């Protein structure tokens, strides 16, 4: 991808939801909600504080994140749909290692 976000902006690719329910019912595209989970593809360098000092972002490329339903701006880059949002629109980072430990 040839796009570099500025300041405290991040580029997120949505992670698609399951096509079936737990009972095996297939959900049609028109009834699906947009997923509020995604993977950070790129992140800007960070925001500046009042003193002009660069404050780095807490998220990095590869992080799985949760965000609000109406967060970000949808864009298409190289034929792929992405969301560009401020880091403050991200609700949290999903910790893959913690869920893997619970499953074991």
PDB file of N, CA and C in Angstrom:
ATOM      1  N   UNK A   1       0.858  -1.176   0.000  1.00  0.00           N
ATOM      2  CA  UNK A   1       0.000   0.000   0.000  1.00  0.00           C
ATOM      3  C   UNK A   1       0.900   1.234   0.000  1.00  0.00           C
ATOM      4  N   UNK A   2       0.599   2.169  -0.869  1.00  0.00           N
ATOM      5  CA  UNK A   2       1.410   3.385  -0.974  1.00  0.00           C
ATOM      6  C   UNK A   2       0.659   4.563  -0.365  1.00  0.00           C
ATOM      7  N   UNK A   3       0.363   4.458   0.905  1.00  0.00           N
ATOM      8  CA  UNK A   3      -0.342   5.516   1.625  1.00  0.00           C
ATOM      9  C   UNK A   3       0.251   5.601   3.015  1.00  0.00           C
ATOM     10  N   UNK A   4       0.607   6.801   3.439  1.00  0.00           N
ATOM     11  CA  UNK A   4       1.183   7.017   4.770  1.00  0.00           C
ATOM     12  C   UNK A   4       0.299   8.001   5.511  1.00  0.00           C
ATOM     13  N   UNK A   5      -0.371   7.563   6.587  1.00  0.00           N
ATOM     14  CA  UNK A   5      -1.212   8.482   7.349  1.00  0.00           C
ATOM     15  C   UNK A   5      -0.373   9.517   8.100  1.00  0.00           C
ATOM     16  N   UNK A   6      -0.967  10.686   8.300  1.00  0.00           N
ATOM     17  CA  UNK A   6      -0.282  11.768   8.993  1.00  0.00           C
ATOM     18  C   UNK A   6      -0.745  11.876  10.440  1.00  0.00           C
ATOM     19  N   UNK A   7       0.087  12.464  11.264  1.00  0.00           N
ATOM     20  CA  UNK A   7      -0.205  12.795  12.663  1.00  0.00           C
ATOM     21  C   UNK A   7      -0.717  11.580  13.431  1.00  0.00           C
ATOM     22  N   UNK A   8      -1.914  11.683  14.044  1.00  0.00           N
ATOM     23  CA  UNK A   8      -2.431  10.589  14.871  1.00  0.00           C
ATOM     24  C   UNK A   8      -3.497   9.776  14.148  1.00  0.00           C
ATOM     25  N   UNK A   9      -3.386   9.688  12.837  1.00  0.00           N
ATOM     26  CA  UNK A   9      -4.342   8.917  12.050  1.00  0.00           C
ATOM     27  C   UNK A   9      -3.820   7.493  11.832  1.00  0.00           C
ATOM     28  N   UNK A  10      -4.755   6.536  11.731  1.00  0.00           N
ATOM     29  CA  UNK A  10      -4.399   5.148  11.455  1.00  0.00           C
ATOM     30  C   UNK A  10      -5.269   4.632  10.311  1.00  0.00           C
ATOM     31  N   UNK A  11      -4.728   3.681   9.549  1.00  0.00           N
ATOM     32  CA  UNK A  11      -5.471   3.021   8.481  1.00  0.00           C
ATOM     33  C   UNK A  11      -5.822   1.628   8.978  1.00  0.00           C
ATOM     34  N   UNK A  12      -7.123   1.299   8.934  1.00  0.00           N
ATOM     35  CA  UNK A  12      -7.622   0.033   9.459  1.00  0.00           C
ATOM     36  C   UNK A  12      -8.349  -0.722   8.355  1.00  0.00           C
ATOM     37  N   UNK A  13      -8.095  -2.017   8.274  1.00  0.00           N
ATOM     38  CA  UNK A  13      -8.843  -2.885   7.360  1.00  0.00           C
ATOM     39  C   UNK A  13      -9.813  -3.684   8.208  1.00  0.00           C
ATOM     40  N   UNK A  14     -11.103  -3.603   7.863  1.00  0.00           N
ATOM     41  CA  UNK A  14     -12.118  -4.341   8.626  1.00  0.00           C
ATOM     42  C   UNK A  14     -11.878  -5.838   8.538  1.00  0.00           C
ATOM     43  N   UNK A  15     -12.159  -6.528   9.638  1.00  0.00           N
ATOM     44  CA  UNK A  15     -12.130  -7.983   9.659  1.00  0.00           C
ATOM     45  C   UNK A  15     -13.575  -8.428   9.493  1.00  0.00           C
ATOM     46  N   UNK A  16     -13.833  -9.160   8.426  1.00  0.00           N
ATOM     47  CA  UNK A  16     -15.201  -9.540   8.087  1.00  0.00           C
ATOM     48  C   UNK A  16     -15.796 -10.480   9.126  1.00  0.00           C
ATOM     49  N   UNK A  17     -17.091 -10.304   9.379  1.00  0.00           N
ATOM     50  CA  UNK A  17     -17.809 -11.119  10.351  1.00  0.00           C
ATOM     51  C   UNK A  17     -18.135 -12.486   9.753  1.00  0.00           C
ATOM     52  N   UNK A  18     -18.523 -13.394  10.620  1.00  0.00           N
ATOM     53  CA  UNK A  18     -18.895 -14.743  10.187  1.00  0.00           C
ATOM     54  C   UNK A  18     -20.126 -14.696   9.286  1.00  0.00           C
ATOM     55  N   UNK A  19     -20.180 -15.609   8.325  1.00  0.00           N
ATOM     56  CA  UNK A  19     -21.307 -15.696   7.391  1.00  0.00           C
ATOM     57  C   UNK A  19     -22.463 -16.490   7.991  1.00  0.00           C
ATOM     58  N   UNK A  20     -22.188 -17.306   9.033  1.00  0.00           N
ATOM     59  CA  UNK A  20     -23.213 -18.149   9.634  1.00  0.00           C
ATOM     60  C   UNK A  20     -23.351 -17.833  11.118  1.00  0.00           C
ATOM     61  N   UNK A  21     -24.525 -18.113  11.658  1.00  0.00           N
ATOM     62  CA  UNK A  21     -24.730 -17.999  13.094  1.00  0.00           C
ATOM     63  C   UNK A  21     -24.243 -19.281  13.751  1.00  0.00           C
ATOM     64  N   UNK A  22     -24.247 -19.330  15.064  1.00  0.00           N
ATOM     65  CA  UNK A  22     -23.816 -20.525  15.781  1.00  0.00           C
ATOM     66  C   UNK A  22     -24.717 -21.718  15.449  1.00  0.00           C
ATOM     67  N   UNK A  23     -25.986 -21.453  15.135  1.00  0.00           N
ATOM     68  CA  UNK A  23     -26.928 -22.518  14.787  1.00  0.00           C
ATOM     69  C   UNK A  23     -26.843 -22.960  13.341  1.00  0.00           C
ATOM     70  N   UNK A  24     -25.970 -22.308  12.533  1.00  0.00           N
ATOM     71  CA  UNK A  24     -25.782 -22.707  11.148  1.00  0.00           C
ATOM     72  C   UNK A  24     -26.615 -21.931  10.142  1.00  0.00           C
ATOM     73  N   UNK A  25     -27.328 -20.903  10.586  1.00  0.00           N
ATOM     74  CA  UNK A  25     -28.142 -20.098   9.676  1.00  0.00           C
ATOM     75  C   UNK A  25     -27.231 -19.130   8.937  1.00  0.00           C
ATOM     76  N   UNK A  26     -27.345 -19.092   7.611  1.00  0.00           N
ATOM     77  CA  UNK A  26     -26.526 -18.196   6.796  1.00  0.00           C
ATOM     78  C   UNK A  26     -27.156 -16.807   6.811  1.00  0.00           C
ATOM     79  N   UNK A  27     -26.341 -15.795   7.087  1.00  0.00           N
ATOM     80  CA  UNK A  27     -26.813 -14.415   7.174  1.00  0.00           C
ATOM     81  C   UNK A  27     -26.601 -13.744   5.814  1.00  0.00           C
ATOM     82  N   UNK A  28     -27.659 -13.199   5.195  1.00  0.00           N
ATOM     83  CA  UNK A  28     -27.483 -12.513   3.910  1.00  0.00           C
ATOM     84  C   UNK A  28     -26.739 -11.188   4.080  1.00  0.00           C
ATOM     85  N   UNK A  29     -26.098 -10.732   3.009  1.00  0.00           N
ATOM     86  CA  UNK A  29     -25.305  -9.496   3.064  1.00  0.00           C
ATOM     87  C   UNK A  29     -26.117  -8.303   3.526  1.00  0.00           C
ATOM     88  N   UNK A  30     -27.383  -8.230   3.158  1.00  0.00           N
ATOM     89  CA  UNK A  30     -28.200  -7.069   3.512  1.00  0.00           C
ATOM     90  C   UNK A  30     -28.520  -7.015   5.000  1.00  0.00           C
ATOM     91  N   UNK A  31     -28.469  -8.148   5.687  1.00  0.00           N
ATOM     92  CA  UNK A  31     -28.794  -8.190   7.115  1.00  0.00           C
ATOM     93  C   UNK A  31     -27.563  -8.085   8.005  1.00  0.00           C
ATOM     94  N   UNK A  32     -26.383  -8.134   7.421  1.00  0.00           N
ATOM     95  CA  UNK A  32     -25.153  -8.087   8.219  1.00  0.00           C
ATOM     96  C   UNK A  32     -24.868  -6.678   8.709  1.00  0.00           C
ATOM     97  N   UNK A  33     -24.343  -6.610   9.921  1.00  0.00           N
ATOM     98  CA  UNK A  33     -23.844  -5.336  10.422  1.00  0.00           C
ATOM     99  C   UNK A  33     -22.386  -5.213  10.021  1.00  0.00           C
ATOM    100  N   UNK A  34     -21.932  -3.993   9.807  1.00  0.00           N
ATOM    101  CA  UNK A  34     -20.524  -3.794   9.499  1.00  0.00           C
ATOM    102  C   UNK A  34     -19.718  -4.161  10.730  1.00  0.00           C
ATOM    103  N   UNK A  35     -18.651  -4.920  10.546  1.00  0.00           N
ATOM    104  CA  UNK A  35     -17.851  -5.309  11.711  1.00  0.00           C
ATOM    105  C   UNK A  35     -17.167  -4.102  12.344  1.00  0.00           C
ATOM    106  N   UNK A  36     -17.063  -4.132  13.655  1.00  0.00           N
ATOM    107  CA  UNK A  36     -16.398  -3.043  14.367  1.00  0.00           C
ATOM    108  C   UNK A  36     -15.046  -3.512  14.883  1.00  0.00           C
ATOM    109  N   UNK A  37     -14.452  -4.433  14.143  1.00  0.00           N
ATOM    110  CA  UNK A  37     -13.164  -4.992  14.499  1.00  0.00           C
ATOM    111  C   UNK A  37     -12.288  -4.940  13.254  1.00  0.00           C
ATOM    112  N   UNK A  38     -11.033  -4.621  13.433  1.00  0.00           N
ATOM    113  CA  UNK A  38     -10.169  -4.534  12.268  1.00  0.00           C
ATOM    114  C   UNK A  38      -8.710  -4.685  12.633  1.00  0.00           C
ATOM    115  N   UNK A  39      -7.881  -4.627  11.593  1.00  0.00           N
ATOM    116  CA  UNK A  39      -6.438  -4.733  11.767  1.00  0.00           C
ATOM    117  C   UNK A  39      -5.796  -3.445  11.290  1.00  0.00           C
ATOM    118  N   UNK A  40      -4.922  -2.895  12.110  1.00  0.00           N
ATOM    119  CA  UNK A  40      -4.209  -1.676  11.747  1.00  0.00           C
ATOM    120  C   UNK A  40      -3.208  -2.023  10.644  1.00  0.00           C
ATOM    121  N   UNK A  41      -3.326  -1.317   9.506  1.00  0.00           N
ATOM    122  CA  UNK A  41      -2.443  -1.546   8.373  1.00  0.00           C
ATOM    123  C   UNK A  41      -1.272  -0.567   8.411  1.00  0.00           C
ATOM    124  N   UNK A  42      -1.558   0.681   8.782  1.00  0.00           N
ATOM    125  CA  UNK A  42      -0.522   1.709   8.869  1.00  0.00           C
ATOM    126  C   UNK A  42      -0.912   2.712   9.941  1.00  0.00           C
ATOM    127  N   UNK A  43       0.083   3.331  10.554  1.00  0.00           N
ATOM    128  CA  UNK A  43      -0.164   4.335  11.595  1.00  0.00           C
ATOM    129  C   UNK A  43       0.765   5.516  11.380  1.00  0.00           C
ATOM    130  N   UNK A  44       0.251   6.698  11.677  1.00  0.00           N
ATOM    131  CA  UNK A  44       1.058   7.903  11.563  1.00  0.00           C
ATOM    132  C   UNK A  44       2.095   7.976  12.671  1.00  0.00           C
ATOM    133  N   UNK A  45       2.960   8.993  12.632  1.00  0.00           N
ATOM    134  CA  UNK A  45       4.022   9.108  13.635  1.00  0.00           C
ATOM    135  C   UNK A  45       3.526   9.499  15.018  1.00  0.00           C
ATOM    136  N   UNK A  46       2.388  10.180  15.108  1.00  0.00           N
ATOM    137  CA  UNK A  46       1.859  10.593  16.401  1.00  0.00           C
ATOM    138  C   UNK A  46       1.419  12.038  16.372  1.00  0.00           C
ATOM    139  N   UNK A  47       0.794  12.469  17.455  1.00  0.00           N
ATOM    140  CA  UNK A  47       0.308  13.842  17.571  1.00  0.00           C
ATOM    141  C   UNK A  47       1.337  14.682  18.326  1.00  0.00           C
ATOM    142  N   UNK A  48       1.175  15.966  18.255  1.00  0.00           N
ATOM    143  CA  UNK A  48       2.060  16.877  18.991  1.00  0.00           C
ATOM    144  C   UNK A  48       1.290  17.455  20.179  1.00  0.00           C
ATOM    145  N   UNK A  49       1.968  17.578  21.313  1.00  0.00           N
ATOM    146  CA  UNK A  49       1.344  18.182  22.488  1.00  0.00           C
ATOM    147  C   UNK A  49       1.500  19.698  22.444  1.00  0.00           C
ATOM    148  N   UNK A  50       1.077  20.374  23.508  1.00  0.00           N
ATOM    149  CA  UNK A  50       1.107  21.842  23.550  1.00  0.00           C
ATOM    150  C   UNK A  50       2.520  22.404  23.401  1.00  0.00           C
ATOM    151  N   UNK A  51       3.503  21.662  23.849  1.00  0.00           N
ATOM    152  CA  UNK A  51       4.895  22.117  23.778  1.00  0.00           C
ATOM    153  C   UNK A  51       5.532  21.801  22.428  1.00  0.00           C
ATOM    154  N   UNK A  52       4.793  21.111  21.548  1.00  0.00           N
ATOM    155  CA  UNK A  52       5.324  20.768  20.242  1.00  0.00           C
ATOM    156  C   UNK A  52       6.069  19.445  20.217  1.00  0.00           C
ATOM    157  N   UNK A  53       6.068  18.734  21.349  1.00  0.00           N
ATOM    158  CA  UNK A  53       6.759  17.451  21.434  1.00  0.00           C
ATOM    159  C   UNK A  53       5.894  16.359  20.811  1.00  0.00           C
ATOM    160  N   UNK A  54       6.515  15.459  20.032  1.00  0.00           N
ATOM    161  CA  UNK A  54       5.800  14.363  19.379  1.00  0.00           C
ATOM    162  C   UNK A  54       5.418  13.300  20.401  1.00  0.00           C
ATOM    163  N   UNK A  55       4.125  12.965  20.445  1.00  0.00           N
ATOM    164  CA  UNK A  55       3.618  11.921  21.330  1.00  0.00           C
ATOM    165  C   UNK A  55       3.289  10.712  20.453  1.00  0.00           C
ATOM    166  N   UNK A  56       4.046   9.611  20.547  1.00  0.00           N
ATOM    167  CA  UNK A  56       3.808   8.458  19.666  1.00  0.00           C
ATOM    168  C   UNK A  56       2.464   7.790  19.943  1.00  0.00           C
ATOM    169  N   UNK A  57       1.971   7.057  18.936  1.00  0.00           N
ATOM    170  CA  UNK A  57       0.696   6.361  19.053  1.00  0.00           C
ATOM    171  C   UNK A  57       0.850   5.086  19.880  1.00  0.00           C
ATOM    172  N   UNK A  58      -0.265   4.633  20.473  1.00  0.00           N
ATOM    173  CA  UNK A  58      -0.265   3.387  21.243  1.00  0.00           C
ATOM    174  C   UNK A  58      -0.471   2.178  20.341  1.00  0.00           C
ATOM    175  N   UNK A  59      -0.997   2.378  19.130  1.00  0.00           N
ATOM    176  CA  UNK A  59      -1.239   1.264  18.213  1.00  0.00           C
ATOM    177  C   UNK A  59      -0.154   1.234  17.146  1.00  0.00           C
ATOM    178  N   UNK A  60       0.034   0.054  16.568  1.00  0.00           N
ATOM    179  CA  UNK A  60       1.029  -0.106  15.499  1.00  0.00           C
ATOM    180  C   UNK A  60       0.448  -1.039  14.442  1.00  0.00           C
ATOM    181  N   UNK A  61       1.064  -1.091  13.302  1.00  0.00           N
ATOM    182  CA  UNK A  61       0.622  -1.969  12.226  1.00  0.00           C
ATOM    183  C   UNK A  61       0.604  -3.410  12.721  1.00  0.00           C
ATOM    184  N   UNK A  62      -0.474  -4.107  12.403  1.00  0.00           N
ATOM    185  CA  UNK A  62      -0.623  -5.496  12.827  1.00  0.00           C
ATOM    186  C   UNK A  62      -1.525  -5.682  14.033  1.00  0.00           C
ATOM    187  N   UNK A  63      -1.812  -4.620  14.796  1.00  0.00           N
ATOM    188  CA  UNK A  63      -2.694  -4.715  15.961  1.00  0.00           C
ATOM    189  C   UNK A  63      -4.136  -4.951  15.519  1.00  0.00           C
ATOM    190  N   UNK A  64      -4.844  -5.828  16.249  1.00  0.00           N
ATOM    191  CA  UNK A  64      -6.293  -6.001  16.032  1.00  0.00           C
ATOM    192  C   UNK A  64      -6.990  -5.062  17.010  1.00  0.00           C
ATOM    193  N   UNK A  65      -7.894  -4.251  16.486  1.00  0.00           N
ATOM    194  CA  UNK A  65      -8.520  -3.207  17.301  1.00  0.00           C
ATOM    195  C   UNK A  65     -10.040  -3.252  17.193  1.00  0.00           C
ATOM    196  N   UNK A  66     -10.687  -2.684  18.207  1.00  0.00           N
ATOM    197  CA  UNK A  66     -12.126  -2.451  18.200  1.00  0.00           C
ATOM    198  C   UNK A  66     -12.358  -0.960  18.033  1.00  0.00           C
ATOM    199  N   UNK A  67     -13.362  -0.605  17.227  1.00  0.00           N
ATOM    200  CA  UNK A  67     -13.682   0.801  17.015  1.00  0.00           C
ATOM    201  C   UNK A  67     -15.184   0.977  16.957  1.00  0.00           C
ATOM    202  N   UNK A  68     -15.649   2.215  17.093  1.00  0.00           N
ATOM    203  CA  UNK A  68     -17.072   2.519  17.083  1.00  0.00           C
ATOM    204  C   UNK A  68     -17.711   2.245  15.732  1.00  0.00           C
ATOM    205  N   UNK A  69     -19.019   2.020  15.759  1.00  0.00           N
ATOM    206  CA  UNK A  69     -19.762   1.670  14.548  1.00  0.00           C
ATOM    207  C   UNK A  69     -19.624   2.719  13.453  1.00  0.00           C
ATOM    208  N   UNK A  70     -19.609   3.990  13.803  1.00  0.00           N
ATOM    209  CA  UNK A  70     -19.570   5.064  12.812  1.00  0.00           C
ATOM    210  C   UNK A  70     -18.211   5.757  12.765  1.00  0.00           C
ATOM    211  N   UNK A  71     -17.171   5.084  13.213  1.00  0.00           N
ATOM    212  CA  UNK A  71     -15.836   5.682  13.253  1.00  0.00           C
ATOM    213  C   UNK A  71     -15.179   5.690  11.879  1.00  0.00           C
ATOM    214  N   UNK A  72     -14.371   6.706  11.658  1.00  0.00           N
ATOM    215  CA  UNK A  72     -13.511   6.745  10.487  1.00  0.00           C
ATOM    216  C   UNK A  72     -14.178   7.135   9.188  1.00  0.00           C
ATOM    217  N   UNK A  73     -13.346   7.285   8.181  1.00  0.00           N
ATOM    218  CA  UNK A  73     -13.769   7.617   6.825  1.00  0.00           C
ATOM    219  C   UNK A  73     -13.408   6.442   5.928  1.00  0.00           C
ATOM    220  N   UNK A  74     -14.400   5.945   5.182  1.00  0.00           N
ATOM    221  CA  UNK A  74     -14.153   4.811   4.299  1.00  0.00           C
ATOM    222  C   UNK A  74     -13.478   5.287   3.028  1.00  0.00           C
ATOM    223  N   UNK A  75     -12.390   4.613   2.640  1.00  0.00           N
ATOM    224  CA  UNK A  75     -11.665   4.928   1.412  1.00  0.00           C
ATOM    225  C   UNK A  75     -11.333   3.620   0.698  1.00  0.00           C
ATOM    226  N   UNK A  76     -11.088   3.723  -0.600  1.00  0.00           N
ATOM    227  CA  UNK A  76     -10.666   2.564  -1.386  1.00  0.00           C
ATOM    228  C   UNK A  76      -9.289   2.876  -1.941  1.00  0.00           C
ATOM    229  N   UNK A  77      -8.300   2.050  -1.580  1.00  0.00           N
ATOM    230  CA  UNK A  77      -6.928   2.218  -2.047  1.00  0.00           C
ATOM    231  C   UNK A  77      -6.523   0.926  -2.747  1.00  0.00           C
ATOM    232  N   UNK A  78      -6.109   1.038  -3.992  1.00  0.00           N
ATOM    233  CA  UNK A  78      -5.721  -0.126  -4.799  1.00  0.00           C
ATOM    234  C   UNK A  78      -6.820  -1.186  -4.828  1.00  0.00           C
ATOM    235  N   UNK A  79      -8.087  -0.750  -4.848  1.00  0.00           N
ATOM    236  CA  UNK A  79      -9.213  -1.672  -4.938  1.00  0.00           C
ATOM    237  C   UNK A  79      -9.605  -2.334  -3.636  1.00  0.00           C
ATOM    238  N   UNK A  80      -8.985  -1.951  -2.519  1.00  0.00           N
ATOM    239  CA  UNK A  80      -9.284  -2.539  -1.213  1.00  0.00           C
ATOM    240  C   UNK A  80      -9.900  -1.461  -0.327  1.00  0.00           C
ATOM    241  N   UNK A  81     -10.965  -1.832   0.413  1.00  0.00           N
ATOM    242  CA  UNK A  81     -11.637  -0.884   1.303  1.00  0.00           C
ATOM    243  C   UNK A  81     -10.902  -0.788   2.633  1.00  0.00           C
ATOM    244  N   UNK A  82     -10.651   0.438   3.063  1.00  0.00           N
ATOM    245  CA  UNK A  82      -9.994   0.721   4.339  1.00  0.00           C
ATOM    246  C   UNK A  82     -10.775   1.794   5.081  1.00  0.00           C
ATOM    247  N   UNK A  83     -10.486   1.952   6.348  1.00  0.00           N
ATOM    248  CA  UNK A  83     -10.994   3.051   7.166  1.00  0.00           C
ATOM    249  C   UNK A  83      -9.808   3.880   7.621  1.00  0.00           C
ATOM    250  N   UNK A  84      -9.934   5.197   7.534  1.00  0.00           N
ATOM    251  CA  UNK A  84      -8.920   6.087   8.092  1.00  0.00           C
ATOM    252  C   UNK A  84      -9.576   6.791   9.268  1.00  0.00           C
ATOM    253  N   UNK A  85      -8.957   6.671  10.438  1.00  0.00           N
ATOM    254  CA  UNK A  85      -9.543   7.265  11.638  1.00  0.00           C
ATOM    255  C   UNK A  85      -8.438   7.780  12.545  1.00  0.00           C
ATOM    256  N   UNK A  86      -8.836   8.640  13.471  1.00  0.00           N
ATOM    257  CA  UNK A  86      -7.896   9.111  14.485  1.00  0.00           C
ATOM    258  C   UNK A  86      -7.726   8.005  15.526  1.00  0.00           C
ATOM    259  N   UNK A  87      -6.588   8.010  16.174  1.00  0.00           N
ATOM    260  CA  UNK A  87      -6.341   6.995  17.200  1.00  0.00           C
ATOM    261  C   UNK A  87      -7.387   7.074  18.308  1.00  0.00           C
ATOM    262  N   UNK A  88      -7.912   8.256  18.578  1.00  0.00           N
ATOM    263  CA  UNK A  88      -8.908   8.410  19.642  1.00  0.00           C
ATOM    264  C   UNK A  88     -10.238   7.730  19.306  1.00  0.00           C
ATOM    265  N   UNK A  89     -10.486   7.398  18.025  1.00  0.00           N
ATOM    266  CA  UNK A  89     -11.700   6.667  17.635  1.00  0.00           C
ATOM    267  C   UNK A  89     -11.593   5.178  17.950  1.00  0.00           C
ATOM    268  N   UNK A  90     -10.385   4.708  18.224  1.00  0.00           N
ATOM    269  CA  UNK A  90     -10.181   3.293  18.534  1.00  0.00           C
ATOM    270  C   UNK A  90     -10.494   3.075  20.009  1.00  0.00           C
ATOM    271  N   UNK A  91     -11.350   2.077  20.274  1.00  0.00           N
ATOM    272  CA  UNK A  91     -11.786   1.808  21.640  1.00  0.00           C
ATOM    273  C   UNK A  91     -10.774   0.977  22.417  1.00  0.00           C
ATOM    274  N   UNK A  92     -10.060   0.094  21.714  1.00  0.00           N
ATOM    275  CA  UNK A  92      -9.084  -0.736  22.405  1.00  0.00           C
ATOM    276  C   UNK A  92      -8.403  -1.692  21.461  1.00  0.00           C
ATOM    277  N   UNK A  93      -7.342  -2.317  21.960  1.00  0.00           N
ATOM    278  CA  UNK A  93      -6.568  -3.293  21.198  1.00  0.00           C
ATOM    279  C   UNK A  93      -6.895  -4.680  21.740  1.00  0.00           C
ATOM    280  N   UNK A  94      -7.178  -5.615  20.843  1.00  0.00           N
ATOM    281  CA  UNK A  94      -7.450  -6.989  21.238  1.00  0.00           C
ATOM    282  C   UNK A  94      -6.127  -7.712  21.457  1.00  0.00           C
ATOM    283  N   UNK A  95      -5.970  -8.342  22.613  1.00  0.00           N
ATOM    284  CA  UNK A  95      -4.749  -9.052  22.945  1.00  0.00           C
ATOM    285  C   UNK A  95      -4.913 -10.505  22.530  1.00  0.00           C
ATOM    286  N   UNK A  96      -4.254 -10.888  21.455  1.00  0.00           N
ATOM    287  CA  UNK A  96      -4.361 -12.247  20.921  1.00  0.00           C
ATOM    288  C   UNK A  96      -3.762 -13.280  21.877  1.00  0.00           C
ATOM    289  N   UNK A  97      -2.702 -12.941  22.572  1.00  0.00           N
ATOM    290  CA  UNK A  97      -2.041 -13.909  23.446  1.00  0.00           C
ATOM    291  C   UNK A  97      -2.912 -14.258  24.661  1.00  0.00           C
ATOM    292  N   UNK A  98      -3.671 -13.287  25.164  1.00  0.00           N
ATOM    293  CA  UNK A  98      -4.519 -13.550  26.327  1.00  0.00           C
ATOM    294  C   UNK A  98      -5.640 -14.514  25.965  1.00  0.00           C
ATOM    295  N   UNK A  99      -6.264 -14.338  24.779  1.00  0.00           N
ATOM    296  CA  UNK A  99      -7.339 -15.236  24.374  1.00  0.00           C
ATOM    297  C   UNK A  99      -6.800 -16.624  24.048  1.00  0.00           C
ATOM    298  N   UNK A 100      -5.577 -16.707  23.540  1.00  0.00           N
ATOM    299  CA  UNK A 100      -4.974 -18.010  23.243  1.00  0.00           C
ATOM    300  C   UNK A 100      -4.678 -18.777  24.528  1.00  0.00           C
ATOM    301  N   UNK A 101      -4.252 -18.055  25.582  1.00  0.00           N
ATOM    302  CA  UNK A 101      -3.952 -18.703  26.860  1.00  0.00           C
ATOM    303  C   UNK A 101      -5.229 -19.239  27.511  1.00  0.00           C
ATOM    304  N   UNK A 102      -6.337 -18.501  27.391  1.00  0.00           N
ATOM    305  CA  UNK A 102      -7.597 -18.947  27.979  1.00  0.00           C
ATOM    306  C   UNK A 102      -8.108 -20.193  27.274  1.00  0.00           C
ATOM    307  N   UNK A 103      -7.929 -20.266  25.962  1.00  0.00           N
ATOM    308  CA  UNK A 103      -8.391 -21.425  25.197  1.00  0.00           C
ATOM    309  C   UNK A 103      -7.592 -22.677  25.517  1.00  0.00           C
ATOM    310  N   UNK A 104      -6.346 -22.519  25.921  1.00  0.00           N
ATOM    311  CA  UNK A 104      -5.477 -23.689  26.183  1.00  0.00           C
ATOM    312  C   UNK A 104      -5.761 -24.335  27.493  1.00  0.00           C
TER     313      UNK A 104
END
